[in-house]
Amino acid sequence: MPVRATSTIATIIVDDEPLARDELAYLLKEYPDIELLGTGANGVEAVKLIVDLEPDLVFLDVQMPGLDGLGVIRKVRDEGVPLPHFILATAYDQYAVEAFRLEAMDYLLKPVEKDRLEVTIERARRAIAEKAKSPAAESVAPLRTGPQRTKLLVKSAGRNFIVDSQDLIYATIEDGLITVVATTVEGESNYRTIEELQSSLDPDAFWRVHRSFLVNIHRIREVIPWFKSSFQIRMDDRKQTEIPVSRVQTKRLRSLFRL
């Protein structure tokens, strides 16, 4: 008996052939529970789409110039983001063994046949439904093991400022550097990772809304409906910074504010 999805399956398509992308997108319109978030034309775009949108399902061409499909899977693993289910597609079946070694969910030969696609979609529904039932899927915050700190050091303009942790509005990381925005100062943190910073703060007040952002729940000013049933939050810093909420954290957002 087919699995009936209770929610949409966020999906992206990546293929360097425009006609192949368009054809697959057309076929996927037959499935109301498939929500196509976007498409990409190469491996680099694939990695960015997966990191930014955190899809449930990725249809991925194997043979692409530069970073190929198998390379995309390896790169996403290295990025440490939530892994989607991958469906690899190519005109040749010689990559099947390697595809399944990398734990791709399925493998489609081009041109994609409707009956074969139906089997793949049903397999994806079952896997995503099982994943949603797992204990890890219910977790909304990581375990904290370090002592909670009430003071933080922020480096700005060659000076070392000490701020109350409750005055931290948000922190973000880019290229390995953590920037802290507090009520009175903005600067660099001496923590090496967002995880390390988060582990030192009050777990009831500080929330990892996105892999690159840690926010103070009490300093959220506005919740903004955004792209494809997702949200952004506007903070109450002077710039009223807008921060994306990852798909995996949307459930907690809805719970916090009864959306």
Protein backbone atom coordinates (compact mmCIF):
# COMPACT_ATOMS: atom_id res chain seq x y z
CA MET A 1 0.00 0.00 0.00
CA PRO A 2 1.45 3.40 -0.94
CA VAL A 3 2.53 5.70 1.87
CA ARG A 4 0.36 8.81 2.13
CA ALA A 5 2.46 11.81 3.03
CA THR A 6 1.14 14.11 5.73
CA SER A 7 3.45 16.92 4.69
CA THR A 8 5.36 17.98 1.62
CA ILE A 9 8.73 16.57 0.63
CA ALA A 10 11.13 19.45 -0.01
CA THR A 11 13.01 18.62 -3.20
CA ILE A 12 15.71 20.04 -5.47
CA ILE A 13 16.86 18.95 -8.92
CA VAL A 14 20.45 19.37 -10.12
CA ASP A 15 21.44 18.53 -13.71
CA ASP A 16 23.72 20.30 -16.18
CA GLU A 17 21.26 19.55 -19.00
CA PRO A 18 18.36 22.06 -19.00
CA LEU A 19 16.06 19.70 -20.87
CA ALA A 20 16.67 16.93 -18.33
CA ARG A 21 15.92 19.33 -15.45
CA ASP A 22 12.73 20.54 -17.10
CA GLU A 23 11.54 17.04 -17.95
CA LEU A 24 12.03 15.77 -14.41
CA ALA A 25 10.38 18.88 -12.94
CA TYR A 26 7.41 18.26 -15.25
CA LEU A 27 7.13 14.62 -14.15
CA LEU A 28 7.30 15.60 -10.47
CA LYS A 29 4.24 17.84 -10.89
CA GLU A 30 2.20 14.62 -10.83
CA TYR A 31 3.03 14.27 -7.12
CA PRO A 32 1.25 16.85 -4.92
CA ASP A 33 3.48 16.07 -1.93
CA ILE A 34 6.68 16.90 -3.83
CA GLU A 35 7.58 20.55 -3.19
CA LEU A 36 10.24 21.67 -5.67
CA LEU A 37 12.37 24.27 -3.85
CA GLY A 38 14.77 24.97 -6.70
CA THR A 39 17.04 23.64 -9.43
CA GLY A 40 20.76 23.80 -10.11
CA ALA A 41 23.00 23.28 -13.11
CA ASN A 42 26.23 22.00 -11.53
CA GLY A 43 27.78 20.46 -8.44
CA VAL A 44 28.75 23.75 -6.82
CA GLU A 45 25.17 24.98 -7.08
CA ALA A 46 23.99 21.65 -5.70
CA VAL A 47 26.06 22.02 -2.53
CA LYS A 48 24.87 25.60 -2.00
CA LEU A 49 21.21 24.66 -2.51
CA ILE A 50 21.50 21.76 -0.07
CA VAL A 51 23.26 23.87 2.58
CA ASP A 52 20.86 26.82 2.21
CA LEU A 53 17.54 25.01 1.75
CA GLU A 54 18.10 21.71 3.62
CA PRO A 55 15.84 19.68 1.30
CA ASP A 56 14.47 16.24 2.11
CA LEU A 57 15.16 14.85 -1.36
CA VAL A 58 17.73 15.64 -4.07
CA PHE A 59 17.61 14.40 -7.66
CA LEU A 60 21.24 14.62 -8.69
CA ASP A 61 22.90 14.08 -12.05
CA VAL A 62 26.03 11.94 -11.75
CA GLN A 63 28.01 13.35 -14.67
CA MET A 64 28.53 17.11 -14.39
CA PRO A 65 31.59 19.24 -15.19
CA GLY A 66 33.74 20.19 -12.23
CA LEU A 67 32.10 18.69 -9.16
CA ASP A 68 30.11 15.61 -10.19
CA GLY A 69 27.18 14.04 -8.38
CA LEU A 70 29.27 11.66 -6.28
CA GLY A 71 31.55 14.54 -5.36
CA VAL A 72 28.52 16.55 -4.25
CA ILE A 73 27.53 13.82 -1.78
CA ARG A 74 31.05 13.70 -0.36
CA LYS A 75 31.19 17.50 -0.08
CA VAL A 76 27.82 17.73 1.70
CA ARG A 77 28.97 15.09 4.18
CA ASP A 78 32.05 17.20 4.90
CA GLU A 79 29.88 20.30 5.43
CA GLY A 80 28.12 18.61 8.33
CA VAL A 81 24.62 19.69 7.29
CA PRO A 82 21.52 17.48 7.60
CA LEU A 83 21.83 14.94 4.80
CA PRO A 84 18.96 14.70 2.32
CA HIS A 85 18.07 11.51 0.52
CA PHE A 86 19.86 11.39 -2.83
CA ILE A 87 18.44 10.01 -6.06
CA LEU A 88 21.20 9.77 -8.64
CA ALA A 89 20.41 9.98 -12.35
CA THR A 90 22.54 9.31 -15.42
CA ALA A 91 22.39 7.80 -18.88
CA TYR A 92 24.88 5.12 -17.80
CA ASP A 93 24.59 2.44 -15.13
CA GLN A 94 28.32 2.10 -14.44
CA TYR A 95 28.06 4.40 -11.39
CA ALA A 96 25.45 2.36 -9.57
CA VAL A 97 27.84 0.51 -7.25
CA GLU A 98 29.59 3.70 -6.16
CA ALA A 99 26.26 5.47 -5.79
CA PHE A 100 24.94 2.91 -3.35
CA ARG A 101 28.27 2.74 -1.53
CA LEU A 102 27.72 6.43 -0.77
CA GLU A 103 24.25 5.52 0.51
CA ALA A 104 22.24 7.09 -2.27
CA MET A 105 18.61 6.08 -1.83
CA ASP A 106 18.02 5.16 -5.46
CA TYR A 107 19.38 5.32 -8.98
CA LEU A 108 17.50 6.38 -12.11
CA LEU A 109 18.53 5.83 -15.69
CA LYS A 110 17.85 8.58 -18.23
CA PRO A 111 15.47 9.13 -19.83
CA VAL A 112 13.48 8.72 -16.63
CA GLU A 113 10.46 6.46 -17.00
CA LYS A 114 7.24 7.40 -15.20
CA ASP A 115 6.71 3.94 -13.72
CA ARG A 116 10.27 3.79 -12.41
CA LEU A 117 9.94 7.28 -10.96
CA GLU A 118 6.80 6.19 -9.12
CA VAL A 119 8.79 3.44 -7.39
CA THR A 120 11.47 5.95 -6.41
CA ILE A 121 9.00 8.47 -5.00
CA GLU A 122 7.29 5.77 -2.94
CA ARG A 123 10.66 4.66 -1.58
CA ALA A 124 11.46 8.27 -0.66
CA ARG A 125 8.11 8.70 1.11
CA ARG A 126 8.75 5.65 3.25
CA ALA A 127 12.29 6.64 4.16
CA ILE A 128 11.33 10.23 5.04
CA ALA A 129 8.37 9.04 7.10
CA GLU A 130 10.62 6.65 9.05
CA LYS A 131 13.20 9.36 9.59
CA ALA A 132 10.53 11.67 11.00
CA LYS A 133 9.58 9.01 13.56
CA SER A 134 13.12 8.62 14.88
CA PRO A 135 13.99 10.05 18.32
CA ALA A 136 16.62 12.30 16.77
CA ALA A 137 13.96 13.99 14.65
CA GLU A 138 12.13 15.08 17.80
CA SER A 139 15.17 16.75 19.28
CA VAL A 140 15.01 20.54 19.05
CA ALA A 141 18.31 21.36 20.76
CA PRO A 142 21.68 19.66 21.19
CA LEU A 143 22.94 18.48 24.55
CA ARG A 144 24.93 21.00 26.53
CA THR A 145 27.93 19.68 28.41
CA GLY A 146 29.88 22.80 29.37
CA PRO A 147 29.26 25.23 32.23
CA GLN A 148 26.91 28.12 31.47
CA ARG A 149 28.64 31.47 31.32
CA THR A 150 27.10 34.79 32.32
CA LYS A 151 29.85 36.89 30.72
CA LEU A 152 31.32 36.84 27.22
CA LEU A 153 34.42 38.44 25.76
CA VAL A 154 33.93 40.38 22.51
CA LYS A 155 36.88 41.78 20.55
CA SER A 156 36.17 45.06 18.77
CA ALA A 157 38.43 47.83 17.46
CA GLY A 158 41.45 46.32 19.19
CA ARG A 159 39.73 46.20 22.56
CA ASN A 160 38.35 43.34 24.68
CA PHE A 161 34.83 44.04 25.91
CA ILE A 162 33.01 41.99 28.53
CA VAL A 163 29.25 41.70 27.98
CA ASP A 164 26.47 39.93 29.84
CA SER A 165 25.43 36.80 27.98
CA GLN A 166 21.79 37.90 28.21
CA ASP A 167 22.75 40.95 26.13
CA LEU A 168 23.87 38.73 23.24
CA ILE A 169 21.34 39.19 20.41
CA TYR A 170 22.83 36.73 17.94
CA ALA A 171 26.07 35.18 16.75
CA THR A 172 27.01 34.05 13.28
CA ILE A 173 29.95 32.23 11.72
CA GLU A 174 31.51 32.79 8.30
CA ASP A 175 34.83 31.41 7.05
CA GLY A 176 35.59 30.09 10.53
CA LEU A 177 35.15 33.47 12.25
CA ILE A 178 32.36 34.01 14.79
CA THR A 179 30.80 37.48 14.94
CA VAL A 180 28.83 38.40 18.04
CA VAL A 181 26.16 41.11 18.05
CA ALA A 182 25.19 42.38 21.51
CA THR A 183 23.15 45.36 22.67
CA THR A 184 26.20 47.62 23.12
CA VAL A 185 28.94 46.14 20.94
CA GLU A 186 29.57 44.07 17.82
CA GLY A 187 32.79 42.14 17.34
CA GLU A 188 34.62 38.83 17.24
CA SER A 189 34.23 35.97 19.68
CA ASN A 190 37.15 33.93 20.95
CA TYR A 191 35.15 30.71 20.52
CA ARG A 192 36.16 28.48 17.63
CA THR A 193 32.76 27.09 16.67
CA ILE A 194 29.07 27.96 17.07
CA GLU A 195 28.61 24.65 18.89
CA GLU A 196 31.25 25.59 21.45
CA LEU A 197 29.67 28.99 22.03
CA GLN A 198 26.19 27.50 22.31
CA SER A 199 27.32 24.90 24.86
CA SER A 200 28.41 27.69 27.21
CA LEU A 201 25.07 29.53 27.15
CA ASP A 202 21.61 29.04 28.66
CA PRO A 203 19.92 26.34 26.51
CA ASP A 204 16.50 27.82 27.23
CA ALA A 205 17.48 31.22 25.83
CA PHE A 206 19.89 30.49 22.97
CA TRP A 207 18.75 28.60 19.91
CA ARG A 208 20.65 27.35 16.86
CA VAL A 209 18.08 28.39 14.22
CA HIS A 210 20.45 27.72 11.32
CA ARG A 211 23.83 26.05 10.94
CA SER A 212 25.41 29.52 10.75
CA PHE A 213 23.31 31.38 13.34
CA LEU A 214 22.74 31.23 17.10
CA VAL A 215 20.05 33.59 18.41
CA ASN A 216 18.74 34.82 21.73
CA ILE A 217 15.07 33.78 21.75
CA HIS A 218 14.20 36.78 23.90
CA ARG A 219 15.58 39.19 21.29
CA ILE A 220 13.47 38.00 18.34
CA ARG A 221 11.41 40.96 17.13
CA GLU A 222 9.38 39.47 14.28
CA VAL A 223 8.69 36.20 12.46
CA ILE A 224 8.55 36.63 8.69
CA PRO A 225 6.98 34.08 6.30
CA TRP A 226 9.59 33.39 3.64
CA PHE A 227 10.34 31.00 0.79
CA LYS A 228 8.30 27.82 0.28
CA SER A 229 6.67 27.53 3.73
CA SER A 230 9.85 28.55 5.54
CA PHE A 231 10.53 31.52 7.81
CA GLN A 232 13.00 34.23 8.68
CA ILE A 233 13.25 35.97 12.04
CA ARG A 234 14.02 39.65 12.52
CA MET A 235 16.18 40.45 15.52
CA ASP A 236 15.96 43.62 17.62
CA ASP A 237 19.53 44.80 16.99
CA ARG A 238 20.05 48.23 15.46
CA LYS A 239 20.17 46.79 11.94
CA GLN A 240 17.06 44.64 12.53
CA THR A 241 18.95 41.73 11.02
CA GLU A 242 16.89 39.07 9.25
CA ILE A 243 18.04 35.50 9.89
CA PRO A 244 16.85 32.36 8.08
CA VAL A 245 15.34 29.53 10.08
CA SER A 246 16.45 26.16 8.75
CA ARG A 247 13.81 23.67 7.69
CA VAL A 248 14.72 21.29 10.51
CA GLN A 249 14.15 24.06 13.08
CA THR A 250 10.81 25.24 11.68
CA LYS A 251 8.94 22.83 13.94
CA ARG A 252 10.43 24.44 17.03
CA LEU A 253 9.67 27.91 15.70
CA ARG A 254 6.02 26.99 15.24
CA SER A 255 5.92 25.55 18.74
CA LEU A 256 7.58 28.55 20.37
CA PHE A 257 5.23 31.11 18.85
CA ARG A 258 2.16 28.92 18.16
CA LEU A 259 2.32 29.62 14.42
